[in-house]
Amino acid sequence: MVVTRPWRLPRSTEVREVRRGRYGRTVLARLDGEAGEVGEVGKVGDLVAVRYIPAGLLIHRPRAEAFWADVARLTGLEAPEAVPFRQYVHAPGFTAAYARSAGAVEAVGGALVSDAVEGVTLSRVLDRYGALPPPAALLVVHRALRALAAAHGRAVVHGDLRPAKVLIDADGVPAVTGLGLAALTTGAAGLRAPELWRGGGAATPGGDVYGTACVLHLCLTGELPFPVRQLFSLMARHTTAPVPMEAVPGPLRAPLAAGLTKDPALRPGAEALLAHLERTARTALGRDWEERGGSTLRTLAAPLTEALPLTSPSAEDRPLADSSHEGVLMM
C-alpha cells in the first residue's frame, strides 16, 4: 500500500502544531527557500500561521465557492484590530484525491496563511481570571466591532466570533482571528443569533453583532447570556427569553441590550453599536477608559503569553499530534 504524505504549504517548514479539529489543522511554519528570495505569501524566514483546510469541507461546491469568495475579499484588508491575513493557497488536485477513496477525507484542500502573532486567547484569560473590569471588557468588544466593521465593509462576515477567536497580545491589545471561515463553520451554539436558530441560513453581519454582544456579557459577568447546555433550552432562550442584566453595570446595559436585540432588523450594525459603545464608555468610565482597559489586559495577558519560537525544528519535522498551544494564536 502506498502511503502519501499529506500536502503542506510549499516552501515552508513546520515549526509546531497549534491545534487540530473538525475545521482543520493549524500550525506555525517558517517560510524557506533561497536567501533573499520572496515567495507569494511572504519573505524567507517569516514565521506564519497556516490553517490546513480539510478537503471534505470543500467538496460541497457552493460552500467552497462561498469560502473562496470570502478569502478573495479579505485579501489586502487593512484592519489593525484583526490578525493580518496573507493568502489562501490551493492544494493541487484535492477534489480528485477525495473522490478516489473515503480515506482521503484526510486530504487537504488548501491552506490559509496569516501572520503568526504572539498572544493569548480571551477564552484563556477568562478561564484564569473570570469576569473583566468594565474598561477591559469594553476594549475587547470595541476592537472586535472595529474588526467586524472592516470585514463587513468588504461583504465578509466572521460567523464564529467567540472568546477563542480573540487574541490579546502581551501589550494588552486585542485582535480578532478566524476571518474567512464563515462558509465552513456553524458557530458556537451559546452565541448564536435568534434568526440562525430559526433556520435563517448562512451567517450574517447581524449575527456577528449578536455574538459580539454575547462576548461582552461574558466579559462583564463571567457568563454567557444563557449558560445552559441543552440545545432545545438554549434555542428557546436565545429566541424568546429576555437577556439577564442583573450582573451588568447599569450604564452598560443599553449598548448590550441593543447588540442582543432579538429582531435582526432592529439590531444595530457593527459601526452603529461601536458608536453607541464609545459614547457609553466615555460617559460612564471617563475619557481614559481605553488606556485603563489596555493596562488591565496587559497585566492579565502578559503572564499567559507564549513566545513565538525563534528557530525551526529538526529535519524530521514531525507534528505534535496532541499539542494545543493557545498562547500563540492564528486564523
C-alpha atoms as a PDB file:
ATOM      1  CA  MET A   1       0.000   0.000   0.000  1.00  0.00           C
ATOM      2  CA  VAL A   2       1.297   3.438  -0.930  1.00  0.00           C
ATOM      3  CA  VAL A   3       1.207   6.000   1.880  1.00  0.00           C
ATOM      4  CA  THR A   4       1.055   9.575   0.653  1.00  0.00           C
ATOM      5  CA  ARG A   5       2.364  12.325   2.865  1.00  0.00           C
ATOM      6  CA  PRO A   6      -0.313  14.995   3.430  1.00  0.00           C
ATOM      7  CA  TRP A   7       0.126  18.103   1.321  1.00  0.00           C
ATOM      8  CA  ARG A   8       1.853  21.025   3.023  1.00  0.00           C
ATOM      9  CA  LEU A   9       2.329  24.646   2.112  1.00  0.00           C
ATOM     10  CA  PRO A  10       5.148  24.761  -0.465  1.00  0.00           C
ATOM     11  CA  ARG A  11       8.473  26.212   0.594  1.00  0.00           C
ATOM     12  CA  SER A  12       7.694  26.116   4.280  1.00  0.00           C
ATOM     13  CA  THR A  13       8.942  24.155   7.259  1.00  0.00           C
ATOM     14  CA  GLU A  14       6.558  23.271  10.044  1.00  0.00           C
ATOM     15  CA  VAL A  15       7.700  24.525  13.417  1.00  0.00           C
ATOM     16  CA  ARG A  16       4.908  23.414  15.684  1.00  0.00           C
ATOM     17  CA  GLU A  17       1.320  22.235  15.598  1.00  0.00           C
ATOM     18  CA  VAL A  18      -1.027  24.540  17.460  1.00  0.00           C
ATOM     19  CA  ARG A  19      -4.286  22.636  17.235  1.00  0.00           C
ATOM     20  CA  ARG A  20      -6.323  20.299  15.079  1.00  0.00           C
ATOM     21  CA  GLY A  21     -10.039  19.718  14.813  1.00  0.00           C
ATOM     22  CA  ARG A  22     -13.012  19.401  12.531  1.00  0.00           C
ATOM     23  CA  TYR A  23     -12.255  22.660  10.737  1.00  0.00           C
ATOM     24  CA  GLY A  24      -8.616  21.979  10.057  1.00  0.00           C
ATOM     25  CA  ARG A  25      -5.150  21.654  11.431  1.00  0.00           C
ATOM     26  CA  THR A  26      -3.292  24.835  12.426  1.00  0.00           C
ATOM     27  CA  VAL A  27       0.490  25.054  12.594  1.00  0.00           C
ATOM     28  CA  LEU A  28       3.290  27.533  12.903  1.00  0.00           C
ATOM     29  CA  ALA A  29       5.568  27.367   9.876  1.00  0.00           C
ATOM     30  CA  ARG A  30       8.652  29.183   8.660  1.00  0.00           C
ATOM     31  CA  LEU A  31       8.950  30.202   5.016  1.00  0.00           C
ATOM     32  CA  ASP A  32      12.138  28.936   3.431  1.00  0.00           C
ATOM     33  CA  GLY A  33      13.954  28.964   0.102  1.00  0.00           C
ATOM     34  CA  GLU A  34      16.996  30.634  -1.392  1.00  0.00           C
ATOM     35  CA  ALA A  35      18.459  33.561   0.513  1.00  0.00           C
ATOM     36  CA  GLY A  36      16.730  36.810  -0.386  1.00  0.00           C
ATOM     37  CA  GLU A  37      14.020  35.022  -2.340  1.00  0.00           C
ATOM     38  CA  VAL A  38      10.486  36.383  -1.900  1.00  0.00           C
ATOM     39  CA  GLY A  39       7.565  33.963  -2.069  1.00  0.00           C
ATOM     40  CA  GLU A  40       3.886  34.617  -2.709  1.00  0.00           C
ATOM     41  CA  VAL A  41       2.938  34.507   0.969  1.00  0.00           C
ATOM     42  CA  GLY A  42       5.914  36.378   2.417  1.00  0.00           C
ATOM     43  CA  LYS A  43       9.668  36.554   2.543  1.00  0.00           C
ATOM     44  CA  VAL A  44      12.122  33.856   3.500  1.00  0.00           C
ATOM     45  CA  GLY A  45      12.404  33.456   7.243  1.00  0.00           C
ATOM     46  CA  ASP A  46       8.902  34.737   8.044  1.00  0.00           C
ATOM     47  CA  LEU A  47       7.042  32.831  10.729  1.00  0.00           C
ATOM     48  CA  VAL A  48       3.447  32.370   9.626  1.00  0.00           C
ATOM     49  CA  ALA A  49       0.280  30.709  10.827  1.00  0.00           C
ATOM     50  CA  VAL A  50      -1.077  28.057   8.469  1.00  0.00           C
ATOM     51  CA  ARG A  51      -4.547  26.568   8.779  1.00  0.00           C
ATOM     52  CA  TYR A  52      -4.888  23.489   6.578  1.00  0.00           C
ATOM     53  CA  ILE A  53      -8.493  23.227   5.370  1.00  0.00           C
ATOM     54  CA  PRO A  54      -9.770  19.627   5.072  1.00  0.00           C
ATOM     55  CA  ALA A  55     -10.803  18.714   1.535  1.00  0.00           C
ATOM     56  CA  GLY A  56     -14.034  17.273   2.911  1.00  0.00           C
ATOM     57  CA  LEU A  57     -15.221  20.777   3.830  1.00  0.00           C
ATOM     58  CA  LEU A  58     -14.752  21.943   0.239  1.00  0.00           C
ATOM     59  CA  ILE A  59     -16.400  19.116  -1.694  1.00  0.00           C
ATOM     60  CA  HIS A  60     -19.784  20.860  -1.489  1.00  0.00           C
ATOM     61  CA  ARG A  61     -19.281  23.244  -4.382  1.00  0.00           C
ATOM     62  CA  PRO A  62     -21.488  26.185  -3.255  1.00  0.00           C
ATOM     63  CA  ARG A  63     -19.848  26.168   0.181  1.00  0.00           C
ATOM     64  CA  ALA A  64     -16.363  26.014  -1.340  1.00  0.00           C
ATOM     65  CA  GLU A  65     -17.136  28.883  -3.715  1.00  0.00           C
ATOM     66  CA  ALA A  66     -18.513  30.996  -0.859  1.00  0.00           C
ATOM     67  CA  PHE A  67     -15.348  30.308   1.136  1.00  0.00           C
ATOM     68  CA  TRP A  68     -13.045  31.188  -1.771  1.00  0.00           C
ATOM     69  CA  ALA A  69     -15.026  34.389  -2.431  1.00  0.00           C
ATOM     70  CA  ASP A  70     -14.654  35.457   1.215  1.00  0.00           C
ATOM     71  CA  VAL A  71     -10.924  34.784   1.086  1.00  0.00           C
ATOM     72  CA  ALA A  72     -10.582  36.859  -2.081  1.00  0.00           C
ATOM     73  CA  ARG A  73     -12.449  39.772  -0.484  1.00  0.00           C
ATOM     74  CA  LEU A  74     -10.237  39.594   2.612  1.00  0.00           C
ATOM     75  CA  THR A  75      -7.008  39.873   0.644  1.00  0.00           C
ATOM     76  CA  GLY A  76      -5.488  43.281   1.267  1.00  0.00           C
ATOM     77  CA  LEU A  77      -7.767  44.101   4.212  1.00  0.00           C
ATOM     78  CA  GLU A  78      -6.042  46.597   6.481  1.00  0.00           C
ATOM     79  CA  ALA A  79      -7.562  46.433   9.948  1.00  0.00           C
ATOM     80  CA  PRO A  80      -5.207  46.606  12.941  1.00  0.00           C
ATOM     81  CA  GLU A  81      -7.935  45.031  15.046  1.00  0.00           C
ATOM     82  CA  ALA A  82      -7.710  41.777  13.055  1.00  0.00           C
ATOM     83  CA  VAL A  83      -4.808  39.345  12.720  1.00  0.00           C
ATOM     84  CA  PRO A  84      -3.395  40.080   9.248  1.00  0.00           C
ATOM     85  CA  PHE A  85      -4.423  37.648   6.513  1.00  0.00           C
ATOM     86  CA  ARG A  86      -1.838  36.906   3.809  1.00  0.00           C
ATOM     87  CA  GLN A  87      -3.135  34.430   1.240  1.00  0.00           C
ATOM     88  CA  TYR A  88      -5.066  31.248   0.538  1.00  0.00           C
ATOM     89  CA  VAL A  89      -3.092  28.555  -1.305  1.00  0.00           C
ATOM     90  CA  HIS A  90      -4.988  25.784  -3.110  1.00  0.00           C
ATOM     91  CA  ALA A  91      -3.766  22.229  -2.683  1.00  0.00           C
ATOM     92  CA  PRO A  92      -3.345  20.662  -6.139  1.00  0.00           C
ATOM     93  CA  GLY A  93      -5.950  18.127  -7.209  1.00  0.00           C
ATOM     94  CA  PHE A  94      -7.704  17.812  -3.847  1.00  0.00           C
ATOM     95  CA  THR A  95     -11.100  17.027  -5.398  1.00  0.00           C
ATOM     96  CA  ALA A  96      -9.759  14.064  -7.339  1.00  0.00           C
ATOM     97  CA  ALA A  97      -7.902  12.796  -4.298  1.00  0.00           C
ATOM     98  CA  TYR A  98     -11.061  12.991  -2.210  1.00  0.00           C
ATOM     99  CA  ALA A  99     -13.141  11.178  -4.806  1.00  0.00           C
ATOM    100  CA  ARG A 100     -10.777   8.207  -5.077  1.00  0.00           C
ATOM    101  CA  SER A 101     -11.213   6.929  -1.562  1.00  0.00           C
ATOM    102  CA  ALA A 102     -13.243   7.517   1.578  1.00  0.00           C
ATOM    103  CA  GLY A 103      -9.949   7.516   3.425  1.00  0.00           C
ATOM    104  CA  ALA A 104      -8.945  10.610   1.518  1.00  0.00           C
ATOM    105  CA  VAL A 105     -11.257  12.616   3.751  1.00  0.00           C
ATOM    106  CA  GLU A 106      -7.965  13.447   5.486  1.00  0.00           C
ATOM    107  CA  ALA A 107      -6.758  15.140   2.302  1.00  0.00           C
ATOM    108  CA  VAL A 108      -6.032  18.853   2.457  1.00  0.00           C
ATOM    109  CA  GLY A 109      -7.987  21.262   0.286  1.00  0.00           C
ATOM    110  CA  GLY A 110      -5.724  24.235   0.809  1.00  0.00           C
ATOM    111  CA  ALA A 111      -4.001  26.473   3.332  1.00  0.00           C
ATOM    112  CA  LEU A 112      -4.997  29.801   4.856  1.00  0.00           C
ATOM    113  CA  VAL A 113      -1.845  31.748   5.675  1.00  0.00           C
ATOM    114  CA  SER A 114      -1.806  34.623   8.150  1.00  0.00           C
ATOM    115  CA  ASP A 115       0.692  36.402  10.362  1.00  0.00           C
ATOM    116  CA  ALA A 116       1.831  34.494  13.425  1.00  0.00           C
ATOM    117  CA  VAL A 117       1.073  36.715  16.408  1.00  0.00           C
ATOM    118  CA  GLU A 118       2.283  36.347  19.960  1.00  0.00           C
ATOM    119  CA  GLY A 119      -0.519  36.397  22.488  1.00  0.00           C
ATOM    120  CA  VAL A 120      -3.156  34.517  24.451  1.00  0.00           C
ATOM    121  CA  THR A 121      -6.813  33.855  23.721  1.00  0.00           C
ATOM    122  CA  LEU A 122      -9.530  35.775  25.523  1.00  0.00           C
ATOM    123  CA  SER A 123     -11.018  32.408  26.499  1.00  0.00           C
ATOM    124  CA  ARG A 124      -7.868  31.503  28.384  1.00  0.00           C
ATOM    125  CA  VAL A 125      -7.770  34.887  30.135  1.00  0.00           C
ATOM    126  CA  LEU A 126     -11.399  34.480  31.217  1.00  0.00           C
ATOM    127  CA  ASP A 127     -10.795  30.907  32.346  1.00  0.00           C
ATOM    128  CA  ARG A 128      -7.926  32.110  34.523  1.00  0.00           C
ATOM    129  CA  TYR A 129      -9.351  35.355  35.929  1.00  0.00           C
ATOM    130  CA  GLY A 130     -13.115  35.318  35.415  1.00  0.00           C
ATOM    131  CA  ALA A 131     -15.033  38.487  34.523  1.00  0.00           C
ATOM    132  CA  LEU A 132     -13.071  41.556  33.426  1.00  0.00           C
ATOM    133  CA  PRO A 133     -13.319  45.112  34.788  1.00  0.00           C
ATOM    134  CA  PRO A 134     -15.629  47.206  32.542  1.00  0.00           C
ATOM    135  CA  PRO A 135     -12.834  49.197  30.783  1.00  0.00           C
ATOM    136  CA  ALA A 136     -11.075  45.964  29.777  1.00  0.00           C
ATOM    137  CA  ALA A 137     -14.318  44.257  28.709  1.00  0.00           C
ATOM    138  CA  LEU A 138     -15.326  47.251  26.598  1.00  0.00           C
ATOM    139  CA  LEU A 139     -11.889  47.459  24.975  1.00  0.00           C
ATOM    140  CA  VAL A 140     -12.109  43.816  23.873  1.00  0.00           C
ATOM    141  CA  VAL A 141     -15.530  44.320  22.283  1.00  0.00           C
ATOM    142  CA  HIS A 142     -14.670  47.760  20.918  1.00  0.00           C
ATOM    143  CA  ARG A 143     -11.774  46.349  18.905  1.00  0.00           C
ATOM    144  CA  ALA A 144     -13.790  43.292  17.883  1.00  0.00           C
ATOM    145  CA  LEU A 145     -16.521  45.544  16.482  1.00  0.00           C
ATOM    146  CA  ARG A 146     -13.935  47.595  14.592  1.00  0.00           C
ATOM    147  CA  ALA A 147     -12.560  44.422  13.005  1.00  0.00           C
ATOM    148  CA  LEU A 148     -16.056  43.256  12.123  1.00  0.00           C
ATOM    149  CA  ALA A 149     -16.998  46.626  10.659  1.00  0.00           C
ATOM    150  CA  ALA A 150     -13.934  46.469   8.390  1.00  0.00           C
ATOM    151  CA  ALA A 151     -14.810  42.931   7.287  1.00  0.00           C
ATOM    152  CA  HIS A 152     -18.494  43.752   6.778  1.00  0.00           C
ATOM    153  CA  GLY A 153     -17.390  46.652   4.599  1.00  0.00           C
ATOM    154  CA  ARG A 154     -15.937  44.016   2.269  1.00  0.00           C
ATOM    155  CA  ALA A 155     -19.066  41.851   2.436  1.00  0.00           C
ATOM    156  CA  VAL A 156     -17.305  39.300   4.671  1.00  0.00           C
ATOM    157  CA  VAL A 157     -18.801  38.015   7.919  1.00  0.00           C
ATOM    158  CA  HIS A 158     -16.979  36.224  10.702  1.00  0.00           C
ATOM    159  CA  GLY A 159     -19.648  33.670  11.596  1.00  0.00           C
ATOM    160  CA  ASP A 160     -17.928  32.391  14.741  1.00  0.00           C
ATOM    161  CA  LEU A 161     -16.932  35.350  16.925  1.00  0.00           C
ATOM    162  CA  ARG A 162     -16.252  33.917  20.391  1.00  0.00           C
ATOM    163  CA  PRO A 163     -13.572  34.241  23.101  1.00  0.00           C
ATOM    164  CA  ALA A 164     -11.296  31.669  21.443  1.00  0.00           C
ATOM    165  CA  LYS A 165     -11.250  33.894  18.337  1.00  0.00           C
ATOM    166  CA  VAL A 166      -9.957  36.972  20.169  1.00  0.00           C
ATOM    167  CA  LEU A 167      -6.220  37.236  20.763  1.00  0.00           C
ATOM    168  CA  ILE A 168      -4.709  39.515  23.409  1.00  0.00           C
ATOM    169  CA  ASP A 169      -1.028  40.250  22.985  1.00  0.00           C
ATOM    170  CA  ALA A 170       1.470  40.902  25.755  1.00  0.00           C
ATOM    171  CA  ASP A 171       0.825  44.661  25.450  1.00  0.00           C
ATOM    172  CA  GLY A 172      -2.864  44.151  26.201  1.00  0.00           C
ATOM    173  CA  VAL A 173      -4.060  44.804  22.642  1.00  0.00           C
ATOM    174  CA  PRO A 174      -6.951  42.576  21.446  1.00  0.00           C
ATOM    175  CA  ALA A 175      -7.275  41.374  17.844  1.00  0.00           C
ATOM    176  CA  VAL A 176      -9.830  39.185  16.078  1.00  0.00           C
ATOM    177  CA  THR A 177      -8.790  35.945  14.398  1.00  0.00           C
ATOM    178  CA  GLY A 178     -10.684  33.480  12.214  1.00  0.00           C
ATOM    179  CA  LEU A 179     -11.946  35.766   9.451  1.00  0.00           C
ATOM    180  CA  GLY A 180     -12.649  33.968   6.193  1.00  0.00           C
ATOM    181  CA  LEU A 181     -14.111  30.775   7.649  1.00  0.00           C
ATOM    182  CA  ALA A 182     -17.802  31.701   7.841  1.00  0.00           C
ATOM    183  CA  ALA A 183     -18.794  29.448   4.934  1.00  0.00           C
ATOM    184  CA  LEU A 184     -17.186  26.433   6.605  1.00  0.00           C
ATOM    185  CA  THR A 185     -18.360  26.820  10.205  1.00  0.00           C
ATOM    186  CA  THR A 186     -21.656  26.872  12.061  1.00  0.00           C
ATOM    187  CA  GLY A 187     -20.553  28.974  15.015  1.00  0.00           C
ATOM    188  CA  ALA A 188     -20.806  28.253  18.729  1.00  0.00           C
ATOM    189  CA  ALA A 189     -24.346  27.493  19.889  1.00  0.00           C
ATOM    190  CA  GLY A 190     -24.050  29.620  23.025  1.00  0.00           C
ATOM    191  CA  LEU A 191     -23.535  32.765  20.937  1.00  0.00           C
ATOM    192  CA  ARG A 192     -25.875  32.002  18.052  1.00  0.00           C
ATOM    193  CA  ALA A 193     -28.276  34.748  16.998  1.00  0.00           C
ATOM    194  CA  PRO A 194     -32.051  34.112  17.196  1.00  0.00           C
ATOM    195  CA  GLU A 195     -32.509  34.233  13.415  1.00  0.00           C
ATOM    196  CA  LEU A 196     -29.924  31.476  12.985  1.00  0.00           C
ATOM    197  CA  TRP A 197     -31.762  29.278  15.486  1.00  0.00           C
ATOM    198  CA  ARG A 198     -34.908  29.831  13.435  1.00  0.00           C
ATOM    199  CA  GLY A 199     -33.198  28.474  10.335  1.00  0.00           C
ATOM    200  CA  GLY A 200     -32.118  31.819   8.934  1.00  0.00           C
ATOM    201  CA  GLY A 201     -29.425  30.221   6.792  1.00  0.00           C
ATOM    202  CA  ALA A 202     -25.881  31.489   6.424  1.00  0.00           C
ATOM    203  CA  ALA A 203     -24.025  33.711   8.857  1.00  0.00           C
ATOM    204  CA  THR A 204     -24.807  37.434   8.620  1.00  0.00           C
ATOM    205  CA  PRO A 205     -23.352  40.737   9.855  1.00  0.00           C
ATOM    206  CA  GLY A 206     -26.227  40.910  12.336  1.00  0.00           C
ATOM    207  CA  GLY A 207     -25.279  37.504  13.666  1.00  0.00           C
ATOM    208  CA  ASP A 208     -21.720  38.745  14.169  1.00  0.00           C
ATOM    209  CA  VAL A 209     -23.012  41.696  16.203  1.00  0.00           C
ATOM    210  CA  TYR A 210     -25.168  39.428  18.341  1.00  0.00           C
ATOM    211  CA  GLY A 211     -22.240  37.082  19.004  1.00  0.00           C
ATOM    212  CA  THR A 212     -20.028  40.029  19.961  1.00  0.00           C
ATOM    213  CA  ALA A 213     -22.660  41.246  22.412  1.00  0.00           C
ATOM    214  CA  CYS A 214     -22.677  37.758  23.931  1.00  0.00           C
ATOM    215  CA  VAL A 215     -18.903  38.088  24.383  1.00  0.00           C
ATOM    216  CA  LEU A 216     -19.434  41.437  26.123  1.00  0.00           C
ATOM    217  CA  HIS A 217     -21.919  39.828  28.517  1.00  0.00           C
ATOM    218  CA  LEU A 218     -19.398  37.080  29.236  1.00  0.00           C
ATOM    219  CA  CYS A 219     -16.571  39.564  29.835  1.00  0.00           C
ATOM    220  CA  LEU A 220     -18.683  41.679  32.207  1.00  0.00           C
ATOM    221  CA  THR A 221     -20.356  38.898  34.189  1.00  0.00           C
ATOM    222  CA  GLY A 222     -18.279  35.750  33.714  1.00  0.00           C
ATOM    223  CA  GLU A 223     -21.187  34.005  31.960  1.00  0.00           C
ATOM    224  CA  LEU A 224     -22.775  33.956  28.533  1.00  0.00           C
ATOM    225  CA  PRO A 225     -26.306  35.425  28.435  1.00  0.00           C
ATOM    226  CA  PHE A 226     -27.876  31.956  28.543  1.00  0.00           C
ATOM    227  CA  PRO A 227     -25.470  29.472  30.178  1.00  0.00           C
ATOM    228  CA  VAL A 228     -27.427  26.274  29.519  1.00  0.00           C
ATOM    229  CA  ARG A 229     -26.231  23.073  27.837  1.00  0.00           C
ATOM    230  CA  GLN A 230     -29.355  21.550  26.301  1.00  0.00           C
ATOM    231  CA  LEU A 231     -29.742  22.715  22.705  1.00  0.00           C
ATOM    232  CA  PHE A 232     -33.542  22.981  22.846  1.00  0.00           C
ATOM    233  CA  SER A 233     -33.403  25.129  26.003  1.00  0.00           C
ATOM    234  CA  LEU A 234     -30.617  27.214  24.506  1.00  0.00           C
ATOM    235  CA  MET A 235     -32.640  27.805  21.353  1.00  0.00           C
ATOM    236  CA  ALA A 236     -35.722  28.794  23.369  1.00  0.00           C
ATOM    237  CA  ARG A 237     -33.799  31.315  25.443  1.00  0.00           C
ATOM    238  CA  HIS A 238     -31.965  32.927  22.549  1.00  0.00           C
ATOM    239  CA  THR A 239     -35.146  33.258  20.514  1.00  0.00           C
ATOM    240  CA  THR A 240     -37.665  34.297  23.201  1.00  0.00           C
ATOM    241  CA  ALA A 241     -36.204  34.954  26.670  1.00  0.00           C
ATOM    242  CA  PRO A 242     -35.192  38.412  27.923  1.00  0.00           C
ATOM    243  CA  VAL A 243     -31.481  38.804  28.473  1.00  0.00           C
ATOM    244  CA  PRO A 244     -30.493  38.690  32.157  1.00  0.00           C
ATOM    245  CA  MET A 245     -28.905  42.037  33.005  1.00  0.00           C
ATOM    246  CA  GLU A 246     -28.723  41.899  36.803  1.00  0.00           C
ATOM    247  CA  ALA A 247     -24.955  41.421  36.902  1.00  0.00           C
ATOM    248  CA  VAL A 248     -24.239  44.011  34.183  1.00  0.00           C
ATOM    249  CA  PRO A 249     -23.241  47.515  35.363  1.00  0.00           C
ATOM    250  CA  GLY A 250     -26.210  49.837  34.822  1.00  0.00           C
ATOM    251  CA  PRO A 251     -24.675  52.269  32.300  1.00  0.00           C
ATOM    252  CA  LEU A 252     -23.541  49.388  30.068  1.00  0.00           C
ATOM    253  CA  ARG A 253     -26.926  47.707  29.798  1.00  0.00           C
ATOM    254  CA  ALA A 254     -28.207  49.848  26.932  1.00  0.00           C
ATOM    255  CA  PRO A 255     -25.478  49.009  24.367  1.00  0.00           C
ATOM    256  CA  LEU A 256     -25.517  45.380  25.459  1.00  0.00           C
ATOM    257  CA  ALA A 257     -29.285  45.154  25.053  1.00  0.00           C
ATOM    258  CA  ALA A 258     -29.009  46.766  21.624  1.00  0.00           C
ATOM    259  CA  GLY A 259     -26.498  44.170  20.480  1.00  0.00           C
ATOM    260  CA  LEU A 260     -28.690  41.359  21.813  1.00  0.00           C
ATOM    261  CA  THR A 261     -31.884  42.554  20.136  1.00  0.00           C
ATOM    262  CA  LYS A 262     -33.874  39.512  19.023  1.00  0.00           C
ATOM    263  CA  ASP A 263     -35.101  41.027  15.743  1.00  0.00           C
ATOM    264  CA  PRO A 264     -32.157  41.324  13.327  1.00  0.00           C
ATOM    265  CA  ALA A 265     -33.963  44.139  11.501  1.00  0.00           C
ATOM    266  CA  LEU A 266     -33.843  46.230  14.691  1.00  0.00           C
ATOM    267  CA  ARG A 267     -30.346  45.218  15.788  1.00  0.00           C
ATOM    268  CA  PRO A 268     -27.669  47.849  15.087  1.00  0.00           C
ATOM    269  CA  GLY A 269     -24.835  47.117  12.706  1.00  0.00           C
ATOM    270  CA  ALA A 270     -21.243  46.857  13.873  1.00  0.00           C
ATOM    271  CA  GLU A 271     -20.474  50.543  13.222  1.00  0.00           C
ATOM    272  CA  ALA A 272     -23.652  51.760  14.935  1.00  0.00           C
ATOM    273  CA  LEU A 273     -23.079  49.587  18.008  1.00  0.00           C
ATOM    274  CA  LEU A 274     -19.450  50.689  18.057  1.00  0.00           C
ATOM    275  CA  ALA A 275     -20.532  54.351  18.206  1.00  0.00           C
ATOM    276  CA  HIS A 276     -23.056  53.546  20.956  1.00  0.00           C
ATOM    277  CA  LEU A 277     -20.385  51.732  22.935  1.00  0.00           C
ATOM    278  CA  GLU A 278     -17.915  54.617  22.590  1.00  0.00           C
ATOM    279  CA  ARG A 279     -20.449  57.179  23.825  1.00  0.00           C
ATOM    280  CA  THR A 280     -21.369  55.000  26.771  1.00  0.00           C
ATOM    281  CA  ALA A 281     -17.746  54.299  27.673  1.00  0.00           C
ATOM    282  CA  ARG A 282     -16.771  57.983  27.670  1.00  0.00           C
ATOM    283  CA  THR A 283     -19.772  58.927  29.797  1.00  0.00           C
ATOM    284  CA  ALA A 284     -19.681  56.035  32.258  1.00  0.00           C
ATOM    285  CA  LEU A 285     -15.952  55.297  32.510  1.00  0.00           C
ATOM    286  CA  GLY A 286     -14.192  58.524  31.553  1.00  0.00           C
ATOM    287  CA  ARG A 287     -12.147  59.573  28.552  1.00  0.00           C
ATOM    288  CA  ASP A 288      -9.190  57.423  29.587  1.00  0.00           C
ATOM    289  CA  TRP A 289     -11.191  54.168  29.534  1.00  0.00           C
ATOM    290  CA  GLU A 290      -9.165  52.700  26.645  1.00  0.00           C
ATOM    291  CA  GLU A 291      -5.844  53.298  28.394  1.00  0.00           C
ATOM    292  CA  ARG A 292      -7.141  51.761  31.611  1.00  0.00           C
ATOM    293  CA  GLY A 293      -8.634  48.817  29.736  1.00  0.00           C
ATOM    294  CA  GLY A 294      -5.379  48.189  27.899  1.00  0.00           C
ATOM    295  CA  SER A 295      -3.383  48.381  31.115  1.00  0.00           C
ATOM    296  CA  THR A 296      -5.626  45.776  32.749  1.00  0.00           C
ATOM    297  CA  LEU A 297      -5.458  43.442  29.760  1.00  0.00           C
ATOM    298  CA  ARG A 298      -1.684  43.791  29.628  1.00  0.00           C
ATOM    299  CA  THR A 299      -1.412  42.807  33.297  1.00  0.00           C
ATOM    300  CA  LEU A 300      -3.665  39.782  32.793  1.00  0.00           C
ATOM    301  CA  ALA A 301      -2.323  38.578  29.431  1.00  0.00           C
ATOM    302  CA  ALA A 302       1.420  39.026  29.851  1.00  0.00           C
ATOM    303  CA  PRO A 303       1.964  36.079  32.247  1.00  0.00           C
ATOM    304  CA  LEU A 304      -0.031  33.775  29.943  1.00  0.00           C
ATOM    305  CA  THR A 305       1.567  34.789  26.651  1.00  0.00           C
ATOM    306  CA  GLU A 306       3.755  32.197  24.983  1.00  0.00           C
ATOM    307  CA  ALA A 307       6.699  33.497  22.972  1.00  0.00           C
ATOM    308  CA  LEU A 308       6.917  32.642  19.303  1.00  0.00           C
ATOM    309  CA  PRO A 309       9.678  30.110  18.542  1.00  0.00           C
ATOM    310  CA  LEU A 310      12.878  31.608  17.202  1.00  0.00           C
ATOM    311  CA  THR A 311      14.252  28.528  15.458  1.00  0.00           C
ATOM    312  CA  SER A 312      12.950  25.806  13.178  1.00  0.00           C
ATOM    313  CA  PRO A 313      12.611  22.185  14.323  1.00  0.00           C
ATOM    314  CA  SER A 314      14.868  19.291  13.454  1.00  0.00           C
ATOM    315  CA  ALA A 315      14.942  17.873   9.960  1.00  0.00           C
ATOM    316  CA  GLU A 316      12.366  15.235  10.867  1.00  0.00           C
ATOM    317  CA  ASP A 317       9.749  17.998  11.111  1.00  0.00           C
ATOM    318  CA  ARG A 318       7.181  15.833  12.878  1.00  0.00           C
ATOM    319  CA  PRO A 319       3.914  17.454  14.078  1.00  0.00           C
ATOM    320  CA  LEU A 320       2.898  17.274  17.723  1.00  0.00           C
ATOM    321  CA  ALA A 321      -0.372  15.410  17.369  1.00  0.00           C
ATOM    322  CA  ASP A 322      -1.749  16.191  20.816  1.00  0.00           C
ATOM    323  CA  SER A 323      -0.402  19.703  21.276  1.00  0.00           C
ATOM    324  CA  SER A 324      -2.567  22.742  21.894  1.00  0.00           C
ATOM    325  CA  HIS A 325      -0.542  25.928  22.207  1.00  0.00           C
ATOM    326  CA  GLU A 326      -3.224  28.564  22.742  1.00  0.00           C
ATOM    327  CA  GLY A 327      -0.631  31.159  23.716  1.00  0.00           C
ATOM    328  CA  VAL A 328       0.153  31.583  20.023  1.00  0.00           C
ATOM    329  CA  LEU A 329      -2.999  32.028  18.024  1.00  0.00           C
ATOM    330  CA  MET A 330      -3.776  32.456  14.359  1.00  0.00           C
ATOM    331  CA  MET A 331      -6.673  32.036  12.000  1.00  0.00           C
END
